[in-house]
C-alpha cells in the first residue's frame, strides 16, 4: 500500500520528506490544541485561527529562525585526579 501511495505521489511530481515539528510550528501547535478539543473546528480565514497559531505563522512569514532544542542530561561523573 505504501508503495502504491509513493507511486501516485511520484506520478504527480510531488516529493514527500520528513521534517521535525520545529520546522512547522503552526501545524504542531494546531495538532496540540486539537487534543483538548471536544468538537471539530474548521478555520476558513487567517483571523479565525487561534492567536498562538497566527503568531507562529507571522514568525514564519517574517523568516524568524527556528531552532531544535535538545535538553542536556546532567552528568554525575566525578573525576578526582590522584
N, C-alpha and C. Protein backbone atom coordinates (compact mmCIF):
# COMPACT_ATOMS: atom_id res chain seq x y z
N UNK A 1 0.81 -1.19 0.00
CA UNK A 1 0.00 0.00 0.00
C UNK A 1 0.86 1.27 0.00
N UNK A 2 1.94 1.26 0.80
CA UNK A 2 2.83 2.43 0.85
C UNK A 2 3.48 2.65 -0.51
N UNK A 3 3.87 1.57 -1.18
CA UNK A 3 4.48 1.71 -2.50
C UNK A 3 3.49 2.29 -3.50
N UNK A 4 2.22 1.93 -3.39
CA UNK A 4 1.19 2.48 -4.27
C UNK A 4 1.05 3.99 -4.05
N UNK A 5 1.05 4.39 -2.79
CA UNK A 5 0.95 5.81 -2.47
C UNK A 5 2.16 6.56 -2.99
N UNK A 6 3.34 5.99 -2.80
CA UNK A 6 4.57 6.62 -3.28
C UNK A 6 4.55 6.77 -4.80
N UNK A 7 4.02 5.78 -5.49
CA UNK A 7 3.92 5.83 -6.96
C UNK A 7 2.97 6.95 -7.39
N UNK A 8 1.82 7.07 -6.73
CA UNK A 8 0.85 8.12 -7.06
C UNK A 8 1.47 9.49 -6.83
N UNK A 9 2.15 9.65 -5.71
CA UNK A 9 2.79 10.93 -5.38
C UNK A 9 3.85 11.26 -6.43
N UNK A 10 4.67 10.28 -6.76
CA UNK A 10 5.74 10.49 -7.74
C UNK A 10 5.18 10.82 -9.12
N UNK A 11 4.10 10.14 -9.51
CA UNK A 11 3.48 10.39 -10.82
C UNK A 11 2.95 11.82 -10.96
N UNK A 12 2.60 12.43 -9.83
CA UNK A 12 2.07 13.79 -9.86
C UNK A 12 3.15 14.85 -9.60
N UNK A 13 4.40 14.41 -9.52
CA UNK A 13 5.51 15.35 -9.39
C UNK A 13 5.74 15.91 -8.00
N UNK A 14 5.25 15.23 -6.98
CA UNK A 14 5.46 15.69 -5.61
C UNK A 14 6.59 14.92 -4.96
N UNK A 15 7.13 15.50 -3.93
CA UNK A 15 8.17 14.85 -3.13
C UNK A 15 7.77 14.99 -1.66
N UNK A 16 7.77 13.89 -0.95
CA UNK A 16 7.42 13.90 0.47
C UNK A 16 8.68 13.62 1.27
N UNK A 17 8.90 14.44 2.29
CA UNK A 17 10.05 14.20 3.16
C UNK A 17 9.66 14.54 4.59
N UNK A 18 10.37 13.97 5.52
CA UNK A 18 10.11 14.20 6.95
C UNK A 18 10.73 15.53 7.36
N UNK A 19 10.06 16.21 8.24
CA UNK A 19 10.66 17.40 8.86
C UNK A 19 10.31 17.37 10.34
N UNK A 20 11.23 17.89 11.14
CA UNK A 20 10.98 17.95 12.58
C UNK A 20 9.84 18.92 12.85
N UNK A 21 9.15 18.73 13.95
CA UNK A 21 8.00 19.58 14.25
C UNK A 21 8.39 21.05 14.38
N UNK A 22 9.64 21.31 14.73
CA UNK A 22 10.10 22.70 14.84
C UNK A 22 10.10 23.39 13.48
N UNK A 23 10.16 22.61 12.41
CA UNK A 23 10.15 23.20 11.07
C UNK A 23 8.76 23.66 10.66
N UNK A 24 7.73 23.19 11.33
CA UNK A 24 6.37 23.61 11.03
C UNK A 24 5.62 23.83 12.33
N UNK A 25 6.01 24.85 13.04
CA UNK A 25 5.42 25.13 14.36
C UNK A 25 3.93 25.40 14.32
N UNK A 26 3.41 26.11 13.29
CA UNK A 26 1.96 26.32 13.28
C UNK A 26 1.17 25.00 13.23
N UNK A 27 1.61 24.06 12.40
CA UNK A 27 0.92 22.78 12.31
C UNK A 27 1.04 22.01 13.62
N UNK A 28 2.21 22.06 14.24
CA UNK A 28 2.42 21.38 15.51
C UNK A 28 1.53 21.97 16.60
N UNK A 29 1.38 23.30 16.61
CA UNK A 29 0.54 23.96 17.60
C UNK A 29 -0.94 23.60 17.39
N UNK A 30 -1.38 23.59 16.12
CA UNK A 30 -2.77 23.20 15.83
C UNK A 30 -3.03 21.76 16.29
N UNK A 31 -2.06 20.89 16.04
CA UNK A 31 -2.23 19.49 16.45
C UNK A 31 -2.32 19.38 17.97
N UNK A 32 -1.47 20.12 18.67
CA UNK A 32 -1.51 20.03 20.14
C UNK A 32 -2.79 20.64 20.70
N UNK A 33 -3.29 21.71 20.07
CA UNK A 33 -4.55 22.31 20.53
C UNK A 33 -5.73 21.38 20.27
N UNK A 34 -5.63 20.56 19.23
CA UNK A 34 -6.75 19.69 18.87
C UNK A 34 -6.97 18.58 19.90
N UNK A 35 -5.94 18.25 20.67
CA UNK A 35 -6.08 17.17 21.66
C UNK A 35 -7.08 17.52 22.75
N UNK A 36 -7.22 18.79 23.04
CA UNK A 36 -8.17 19.19 24.08
C UNK A 36 -9.54 19.58 23.54
N UNK A 37 -9.69 19.54 22.21
CA UNK A 37 -10.96 19.96 21.60
C UNK A 37 -12.00 18.85 21.69
N UNK A 38 -13.23 19.25 21.96
CA UNK A 38 -14.32 18.28 22.04
C UNK A 38 -15.14 18.24 20.76
N UNK A 39 -14.88 19.17 19.84
CA UNK A 39 -15.61 19.21 18.58
C UNK A 39 -14.66 19.60 17.46
N UNK A 40 -15.10 19.41 16.23
CA UNK A 40 -14.28 19.71 15.07
C UNK A 40 -14.35 21.21 14.78
N UNK A 41 -13.19 21.81 14.55
CA UNK A 41 -13.11 23.23 14.20
C UNK A 41 -12.56 23.35 12.78
N UNK A 42 -13.17 24.20 11.98
CA UNK A 42 -12.69 24.50 10.64
C UNK A 42 -12.34 25.98 10.60
N UNK A 43 -11.10 26.27 10.23
CA UNK A 43 -10.64 27.66 10.16
C UNK A 43 -10.64 28.09 8.70
N UNK A 44 -11.54 29.00 8.36
CA UNK A 44 -11.70 29.44 6.98
C UNK A 44 -10.90 30.68 6.64
N UNK A 45 -10.30 31.30 7.63
CA UNK A 45 -9.52 32.50 7.37
C UNK A 45 -8.40 32.61 8.40
N UNK A 46 -7.43 33.43 8.07
CA UNK A 46 -6.31 33.64 8.97
C UNK A 46 -6.79 34.18 10.32
N UNK A 47 -7.74 35.11 10.27
CA UNK A 47 -8.21 35.75 11.51
C UNK A 47 -9.00 34.79 12.41
N UNK A 48 -9.48 33.68 11.85
CA UNK A 48 -10.24 32.73 12.68
C UNK A 48 -9.33 31.73 13.39
N UNK A 49 -8.05 31.72 13.05
CA UNK A 49 -7.11 30.81 13.72
C UNK A 49 -6.85 31.27 15.15
N UNK A 50 -6.46 30.34 16.02
CA UNK A 50 -6.08 30.75 17.38
C UNK A 50 -4.92 31.74 17.35
N UNK A 51 -4.89 32.63 18.32
CA UNK A 51 -3.89 33.70 18.37
C UNK A 51 -2.47 33.15 18.32
N UNK A 52 -2.22 32.06 19.06
CA UNK A 52 -0.86 31.49 19.08
C UNK A 52 -0.44 31.03 17.69
N UNK A 53 -1.37 30.44 16.94
CA UNK A 53 -1.06 29.93 15.60
C UNK A 53 -0.80 31.09 14.64
N UNK A 54 -1.60 32.14 14.75
CA UNK A 54 -1.38 33.32 13.89
C UNK A 54 0.00 33.91 14.15
N UNK A 55 0.40 33.95 15.41
CA UNK A 55 1.73 34.46 15.75
C UNK A 55 2.84 33.62 15.14
N UNK A 56 2.69 32.30 15.19
CA UNK A 56 3.70 31.41 14.62
C UNK A 56 3.76 31.55 13.10
N UNK A 57 2.60 31.71 12.46
CA UNK A 57 2.57 31.91 11.01
C UNK A 57 3.27 33.22 10.64
N UNK A 58 3.01 34.26 11.42
CA UNK A 58 3.69 35.53 11.15
C UNK A 58 5.20 35.40 11.33
N UNK A 59 5.62 34.65 12.32
CA UNK A 59 7.06 34.45 12.51
C UNK A 59 7.66 33.73 11.31
N UNK A 60 6.94 32.76 10.76
CA UNK A 60 7.40 32.08 9.53
C UNK A 60 7.45 33.08 8.38
N UNK A 61 6.43 33.88 8.26
CA UNK A 61 6.35 34.87 7.18
C UNK A 61 7.52 35.85 7.26
N UNK A 62 7.89 36.24 8.47
CA UNK A 62 8.99 37.18 8.67
C UNK A 62 10.35 36.49 8.66
N UNK A 63 10.35 35.18 8.42
CA UNK A 63 11.56 34.36 8.32
C UNK A 63 12.41 34.37 9.59
N UNK A 64 11.72 34.35 10.74
CA UNK A 64 12.45 34.21 12.00
C UNK A 64 13.03 32.79 12.05
N UNK A 65 14.23 32.64 12.55
CA UNK A 65 14.81 31.29 12.62
C UNK A 65 14.09 30.43 13.67
N UNK A 66 14.12 29.15 13.43
CA UNK A 66 13.52 28.19 14.36
C UNK A 66 14.60 27.19 14.72
N UNK A 67 14.77 26.94 16.00
CA UNK A 67 15.83 26.06 16.46
C UNK A 67 15.27 24.81 17.09
N UNK A 68 15.97 23.72 16.94
CA UNK A 68 15.62 22.47 17.61
C UNK A 68 16.45 22.42 18.89
N UNK A 69 15.78 22.45 20.02
CA UNK A 69 16.47 22.45 21.31
C UNK A 69 16.45 21.03 21.87
N UNK A 70 17.57 20.63 22.40
CA UNK A 70 17.68 19.30 22.99
C UNK A 70 18.22 19.47 24.41
N UNK A 71 17.49 18.97 25.41
CA UNK A 71 17.97 19.15 26.79
C UNK A 71 19.27 18.39 27.03
N UNK A 72 20.11 18.97 27.83
CA UNK A 72 21.39 18.35 28.18
C UNK A 72 21.16 17.51 29.43
N UNK A 73 21.54 16.25 29.35
CA UNK A 73 21.40 15.37 30.50
C UNK A 73 22.50 15.68 31.50
N UNK A 74 22.16 15.75 32.77
CA UNK A 74 23.19 16.04 33.78
C UNK A 74 24.20 14.89 33.87
N UNK A 75 25.41 15.26 34.08
CA UNK A 75 26.47 14.27 34.20
C UNK A 75 26.82 14.10 35.68
N UNK A 76 26.79 12.89 36.15
CA UNK A 76 27.11 12.62 37.55
C UNK A 76 28.50 12.01 37.69
N UNK A 77 29.26 12.07 36.65
CA UNK A 77 30.61 11.54 36.68
C UNK A 77 31.52 12.56 37.38
N UNK A 78 32.18 12.11 38.39
CA UNK A 78 33.09 12.98 39.13
C UNK A 78 34.49 12.44 38.94
N UNK A 79 35.36 13.30 38.46
CA UNK A 79 36.75 12.91 38.25
C UNK A 79 37.62 13.62 39.26
N UNK A 80 38.30 12.84 40.07
CA UNK A 80 39.22 13.39 41.04
C UNK A 80 40.61 12.87 40.73
N UNK A 81 41.47 13.72 40.18
CA UNK A 81 42.82 13.26 39.83
C UNK A 81 43.61 12.84 41.07
N UNK A 82 44.53 11.89 40.89
CA UNK A 82 45.32 11.41 42.05
C UNK A 82 46.26 12.44 42.62
